[in-house]
C-alpha atoms as a PDB file:
ATOM      1  CA  MET A   1     121.948  -0.777 -21.973  1.00  0.00           C
ATOM      2  CA  LEU A   2     120.689   1.256 -19.010  1.00  0.00           C
ATOM      3  CA  ALA A   3     118.396  -1.314 -17.454  1.00  0.00           C
ATOM      4  CA  LYS A   4     120.960  -3.012 -15.212  1.00  0.00           C
ATOM      5  CA  PRO A   5     122.152   0.025 -13.218  1.00  0.00           C
ATOM      6  CA  LEU A   6     118.609   1.330 -12.923  1.00  0.00           C
ATOM      7  CA  GLN A   7     117.149  -2.006 -11.848  1.00  0.00           C
ATOM      8  CA  ALA A   8     119.867  -2.384  -9.210  1.00  0.00           C
ATOM      9  CA  ASN A   9     118.913   1.021  -7.781  1.00  0.00           C
ATOM     10  CA  SER A  10     115.196   0.211  -7.969  1.00  0.00           C
ATOM     11  CA  ARG A  11     115.607  -2.837  -5.724  1.00  0.00           C
ATOM     12  CA  SER A  12     117.230  -0.762  -3.026  1.00  0.00           C
ATOM     13  CA  CYS A  13     114.521   1.920  -3.146  1.00  0.00           C
ATOM     14  CA  THR A  14     112.100  -0.341  -1.259  1.00  0.00           C
ATOM     15  CA  GLU A  15     114.775  -1.498   1.193  1.00  0.00           C
ATOM     16  CA  GLN A  16     116.047   1.879   2.370  1.00  0.00           C
ATOM     17  CA  SER A  17     114.495   4.780   4.182  1.00  0.00           C
ATOM     18  CA  SER A  18     116.030   7.173   1.643  1.00  0.00           C
ATOM     19  CA  ILE A  19     115.287   6.418  -1.975  1.00  0.00           C
ATOM     20  CA  PRO A  20     118.283   6.496  -4.331  1.00  0.00           C
ATOM     21  CA  SER A  21     118.122   8.657  -7.395  1.00  0.00           C
ATOM     22  CA  PRO A  22     117.774   6.841 -10.718  1.00  0.00           C
ATOM     23  CA  CYS A  23     120.560   9.101 -12.056  1.00  0.00           C
ATOM     24  CA  ILE A  24     123.578   7.226 -13.439  1.00  0.00           C
ATOM     25  CA  ASN A  25     125.404  10.389 -14.601  1.00  0.00           C
ATOM     26  CA  VAL A  26     124.567   9.994 -18.284  1.00  0.00           C
ATOM     27  CA  CYS A  27     122.604  13.226 -18.453  1.00  0.00           C
ATOM     28  CA  THR A  28     121.390  13.817 -22.003  1.00  0.00           C
ATOM     29  CA  MET A  29     117.790  14.640 -22.861  1.00  0.00           C
ATOM     30  CA  GLN A  30     116.445  13.136 -26.078  1.00  0.00           C
ATOM     31  CA  GLN A  31     113.078  12.418 -27.663  1.00  0.00           C
ATOM     32  CA  ILE A  32     112.511   8.678 -27.149  1.00  0.00           C
ATOM     33  CA  GLU A  33     110.152   7.379 -29.801  1.00  0.00           C
ATOM     34  CA  ALA A  34     109.199   4.240 -27.863  1.00  0.00           C
ATOM     35  CA  ALA A  35     108.059   6.300 -24.881  1.00  0.00           C
ATOM     36  CA  GLN A  36     106.663   9.154 -26.998  1.00  0.00           C
ATOM     37  CA  GLN A  37     108.370  11.792 -24.850  1.00  0.00           C
ATOM     38  CA  GLU A  38     111.680  13.464 -24.128  1.00  0.00           C
ATOM     39  CA  LEU A  39     113.662  11.527 -21.514  1.00  0.00           C
ATOM     40  CA  CYS A  40     117.131  11.487 -20.021  1.00  0.00           C
ATOM     41  CA  LEU A  41     119.099   8.767 -21.813  1.00  0.00           C
ATOM     42  CA  GLY A  42     120.733   7.754 -18.532  1.00  0.00           C
ATOM     43  CA  CYS A  43     117.834   7.453 -16.107  1.00  0.00           C
ATOM     44  CA  LEU A  44     114.745   7.628 -18.351  1.00  0.00           C
ATOM     45  CA  ARG A  45     113.192  10.457 -16.330  1.00  0.00           C
ATOM     46  CA  THR A  46     111.445  13.478 -17.770  1.00  0.00           C
ATOM     47  CA  LEU A  47     112.897  16.915 -17.091  1.00  0.00           C
ATOM     48  CA  PRO A  48     110.125  17.773 -14.583  1.00  0.00           C
ATOM     49  CA  GLU A  49     110.843  14.509 -12.699  1.00  0.00           C
ATOM     50  CA  ILE A  50     114.559  15.333 -12.578  1.00  0.00           C
ATOM     51  CA  VAL A  51     113.883  18.860 -11.315  1.00  0.00           C
ATOM     52  CA  GLU A  52     111.466  17.771  -8.581  1.00  0.00           C
ATOM     53  CA  TRP A  53     113.554  14.819  -7.304  1.00  0.00           C
ATOM     54  CA  GLY A  54     115.420  16.753  -4.598  1.00  0.00           C
ATOM     55  CA  SER A  55     112.254  18.036  -2.947  1.00  0.00           C
ATOM     56  CA  ALA A  56     109.985  15.074  -3.720  1.00  0.00           C
ATOM     57  CA  SER A  57     108.408  13.038  -0.929  1.00  0.00           C
ATOM     58  CA  ARG A  58     109.247   9.359  -0.485  1.00  0.00           C
ATOM     59  CA  ILE A  59     105.906   8.418  -2.056  1.00  0.00           C
ATOM     60  CA  ARG A  60     106.544  10.657  -5.064  1.00  0.00           C
ATOM     61  CA  LYS A  61     110.051   9.218  -5.502  1.00  0.00           C
ATOM     62  CA  GLN A  62     108.583   5.702  -5.484  1.00  0.00           C
ATOM     63  CA  ALA A  63     106.057   6.826  -8.110  1.00  0.00           C
ATOM     64  CA  ILE A  64     108.862   8.223 -10.273  1.00  0.00           C
ATOM     65  CA  TRP A  65     110.735   4.923  -9.923  1.00  0.00           C
ATOM     66  CA  SER A  66     107.581   3.061 -11.014  1.00  0.00           C
ATOM     67  CA  GLU A  67     107.414   5.226 -14.128  1.00  0.00           C
ATOM     68  CA  VAL A  68     111.117   4.655 -14.824  1.00  0.00           C
ATOM     69  CA  LEU A  69     110.642   0.875 -14.561  1.00  0.00           C
ATOM     70  CA  VAL A  70     107.730   1.016 -17.006  1.00  0.00           C
ATOM     71  CA  ARG A  71     109.892   3.054 -19.377  1.00  0.00           C
ATOM     72  CA  ILE A  72     112.692   0.475 -19.135  1.00  0.00           C
ATOM     73  CA  THR A  73     110.217  -2.233 -20.144  1.00  0.00           C
ATOM     74  CA  THR A  74     108.826  -0.063 -22.941  1.00  0.00           C
ATOM     75  CA  VAL A  75     112.238   0.846 -24.342  1.00  0.00           C
ATOM     76  CA  GLN A  76     113.459  -2.759 -24.110  1.00  0.00           C
ATOM     77  CA  ALA A  77     110.339  -4.051 -25.892  1.00  0.00           C
ATOM     78  CA  TRP A  78     110.831  -1.389 -28.554  1.00  0.00           C
ATOM     79  CA  SER A  79     114.467  -2.293 -29.076  1.00  0.00           C
ATOM     80  CA  ASP A  80     113.554  -5.996 -29.165  1.00  0.00           C
ATOM     81  CA  GLY A  81     111.395  -5.366 -32.215  1.00  0.00           C
ATOM     82  CA  ALA A  82     107.961  -4.243 -31.026  1.00  0.00           C
ATOM     83  CA  GLN A  83     108.451  -0.983 -32.998  1.00  0.00           C
ATOM     84  CA  GLN A  84     105.218   0.468 -31.635  1.00  0.00           C
ATOM     85  CA  PRO A  85     104.648   2.646 -28.599  1.00  0.00           C
ATOM     86  CA  MET A  86     102.966   0.746 -25.779  1.00  0.00           C
ATOM     87  CA  GLU A  87      99.432   1.802 -24.986  1.00  0.00           C
ATOM     88  CA  GLY A  88      96.413   0.550 -23.110  1.00  0.00           C
ATOM     89  CA  SER A  89      96.645  -3.043 -21.887  1.00  0.00           C
ATOM     90  CA  ALA A  90     100.277  -3.412 -22.993  1.00  0.00           C
ATOM     91  CA  MET A  91     101.223  -0.402 -20.870  1.00  0.00           C
ATOM     92  CA  GLN A  92      99.162  -1.714 -17.934  1.00  0.00           C
ATOM     93  CA  SER A  93     100.905  -5.079 -18.225  1.00  0.00           C
ATOM     94  CA  ALA A  94     104.312  -3.388 -18.245  1.00  0.00           C
ATOM     95  CA  MET A  95     103.311  -1.332 -15.191  1.00  0.00           C
ATOM     96  CA  ALA A  96     102.190  -4.476 -13.342  1.00  0.00           C
ATOM     97  CA  LYS A  97     105.497  -6.199 -14.140  1.00  0.00           C
ATOM     98  CA  ALA A  98     107.449  -3.149 -13.004  1.00  0.00           C
ATOM     99  CA  ASN A  99     105.498  -2.944  -9.757  1.00  0.00           C
ATOM    100  CA  ALA A 100     105.998  -6.672  -9.115  1.00  0.00           C
ATOM    101  CA  LYS A 101     109.751  -6.279  -9.610  1.00  0.00           C
ATOM    102  CA  GLU A 102     109.799  -3.303  -7.241  1.00  0.00           C
ATOM    103  CA  VAL A 103     108.121  -5.300  -4.459  1.00  0.00           C
ATOM    104  CA  LYS A 104     110.631  -8.188  -4.626  1.00  0.00           C
END
């Protein structure tokens, strides 16, 4: 679904001085049950994250990317049959996996 374009952009965010936007021009906000919040269907960012992107620091942009990667994992797990929002240790595990992918 949306993981491939986003993951391709996430790899380049640690390799470049400017961090690419997660936006893939599929801009539709919708309540995502797996993430328990309203997200853009294209980039999995919240509206506040989208609004702040242009003025965000490099560190903040990396933090937003980390959140997006966790959301990708959460949404994929949900669509693969987990059918429960990720919380606690499951969310921490997803965050660790996302951060490990970002470093590579």
